[in-house]
Amino acid sequence: MTNIDYRPLDAYLRRWLRTQPYGWHLQGADAIATEFIQDVAFANIRLAAWLERPDVQVITKIVEGVLPYPERNAVAALTQAIMISARRRTANQVAAGLGIGVLVALAIYLFGQG
């Protein structure tokens, strides 16, 4: 692992798992990712550039440390959910940046016409 502090992600996953019912992983990675994206606590995890390009091996190692062995199906679902939510977060940030850029360009154009 790199010099990024993964403890907030580890702590978040441990808290999240305590609130999940038996068989939670059966809902699938996409549903779990949607839950993560909507969770303010997950959004507050500051992993900066790492979440823009998450390393599946690092995520898998964190998830394996949180889940009891041999929960391989759960490891796969949770790892995929983190990857999906990271991609969605990055896509949302890019879309927001583009939206602001379009508004600025429109404002410049409109003020330039006057």
Protein backbone atom coordinates (compact mmCIF):
# COMPACT_ATOMS: atom_id res chain seq x y z
CA MET A 1 0.00 0.00 0.00
CA THR A 2 1.06 3.57 -0.56
CA ASN A 3 1.37 6.43 1.91
CA ILE A 4 -2.39 7.11 1.70
CA ASP A 5 -4.22 6.68 5.01
CA TYR A 6 -6.78 3.96 4.41
CA ARG A 7 -7.96 3.84 8.02
CA PRO A 8 -11.05 5.99 7.35
CA LEU A 9 -12.20 3.55 4.65
CA ASP A 10 -11.50 0.58 6.92
CA ALA A 11 -13.43 2.19 9.80
CA TYR A 12 -16.32 3.13 7.51
CA LEU A 13 -16.61 -0.43 6.15
CA ARG A 14 -16.54 -1.92 9.65
CA ARG A 15 -19.34 0.42 10.81
CA TRP A 16 -21.32 -0.19 7.63
CA LEU A 17 -21.04 -3.98 7.93
CA ARG A 18 -22.38 -3.92 11.51
CA THR A 19 -25.64 -2.40 10.20
CA GLN A 20 -26.16 -4.86 7.35
CA PRO A 21 -28.48 -7.86 7.47
CA TYR A 22 -27.38 -11.42 6.77
CA GLY A 23 -26.87 -11.89 3.02
CA TRP A 24 -26.30 -8.19 2.37
CA HIS A 25 -23.87 -8.99 -0.44
CA LEU A 26 -26.63 -10.67 -2.46
CA GLN A 27 -28.08 -7.28 -3.38
CA GLY A 28 -25.09 -6.81 -5.70
CA ALA A 29 -22.26 -4.36 -6.07
CA ASP A 30 -24.27 -1.74 -7.97
CA ALA A 31 -26.91 -1.46 -5.23
CA ILE A 32 -24.21 -1.29 -2.55
CA ALA A 33 -22.35 1.38 -4.53
CA THR A 34 -25.55 3.43 -4.79
CA GLU A 35 -25.91 3.21 -1.02
CA PHE A 36 -22.30 4.33 -0.56
CA ILE A 37 -22.74 7.29 -2.92
CA GLN A 38 -25.82 8.43 -0.97
CA ASP A 39 -24.07 8.07 2.41
CA VAL A 40 -22.54 11.30 3.68
CA ALA A 41 -20.06 9.36 5.82
CA PHE A 42 -18.69 7.63 2.72
CA ALA A 43 -18.56 10.92 0.83
CA ASN A 44 -16.51 12.43 3.67
CA ILE A 45 -13.73 9.86 3.31
CA ARG A 46 -10.85 11.91 1.98
CA LEU A 47 -8.81 9.64 -0.21
CA ALA A 48 -8.34 12.38 -2.80
CA ALA A 49 -6.69 11.23 -6.02
CA TRP A 50 -6.78 7.61 -4.91
CA LEU A 51 -10.56 7.51 -5.42
CA GLU A 52 -10.11 8.89 -8.92
CA ARG A 53 -7.97 5.85 -9.82
CA PRO A 54 -8.66 3.22 -7.18
CA ASP A 55 -6.40 0.20 -7.10
CA VAL A 56 -8.50 -2.96 -7.00
CA GLN A 57 -5.73 -4.88 -5.20
CA VAL A 58 -5.56 -2.30 -2.41
CA ILE A 59 -9.35 -2.23 -2.07
CA THR A 60 -9.48 -6.03 -2.00
CA LYS A 61 -6.85 -6.14 0.74
CA ILE A 62 -8.82 -3.63 2.85
CA VAL A 63 -12.08 -5.52 2.30
CA GLU A 64 -10.48 -8.87 3.17
CA GLY A 65 -9.25 -7.33 6.41
CA VAL A 66 -12.77 -6.23 7.30
CA LEU A 67 -14.68 -9.38 6.36
CA PRO A 68 -14.32 -12.73 8.09
CA TYR A 69 -12.76 -15.52 6.04
CA PRO A 70 -14.00 -17.16 3.75
CA GLU A 71 -16.58 -14.60 2.63
CA ARG A 72 -15.25 -14.50 -0.96
CA ASN A 73 -18.61 -13.59 -2.52
CA ALA A 74 -18.95 -10.75 -0.06
CA VAL A 75 -15.37 -9.63 -0.74
CA ALA A 76 -16.08 -9.48 -4.47
CA ALA A 77 -19.36 -7.58 -4.00
CA LEU A 78 -17.87 -5.06 -1.58
CA THR A 79 -14.72 -4.52 -3.66
CA GLN A 80 -16.79 -3.95 -6.80
CA ALA A 81 -19.13 -1.60 -4.91
CA ILE A 82 -16.22 0.58 -3.80
CA MET A 83 -14.82 0.64 -7.35
CA ILE A 84 -18.23 1.58 -8.80
CA SER A 85 -18.85 4.30 -6.22
CA ALA A 86 -15.36 5.73 -6.80
CA ARG A 87 -15.99 5.89 -10.55
CA ARG A 88 -19.40 7.49 -9.97
CA ARG A 89 -17.93 10.04 -7.58
CA THR A 90 -15.26 10.96 -10.12
CA ALA A 91 -17.84 11.18 -12.92
CA ASN A 92 -20.05 13.42 -10.76
CA GLN A 93 -17.08 15.69 -9.99
CA VAL A 94 -16.20 15.94 -13.69
CA ALA A 95 -19.83 16.68 -14.60
CA ALA A 96 -20.04 19.38 -11.93
CA GLY A 97 -16.82 20.94 -13.20
CA LEU A 98 -18.09 20.92 -16.77
CA GLY A 99 -21.39 22.44 -15.68
CA ILE A 100 -19.62 25.32 -13.95
CA GLY A 101 -17.42 25.83 -17.01
CA VAL A 102 -20.47 26.04 -19.28
CA LEU A 103 -22.14 28.57 -16.98
CA VAL A 104 -19.01 30.73 -16.88
CA ALA A 105 -18.69 30.61 -20.66
CA LEU A 106 -22.37 31.51 -21.05
CA ALA A 107 -22.02 34.42 -18.64
CA ILE A 108 -18.96 35.71 -20.49
CA TYR A 109 -20.79 35.42 -23.80
CA LEU A 110 -23.93 37.17 -22.52
CA PHE A 111 -22.02 40.00 -20.88
CA GLY A 112 -19.92 40.39 -24.01
CA GLN A 113 -23.08 40.87 -26.11
CA GLY A 114 -24.26 43.82 -24.00
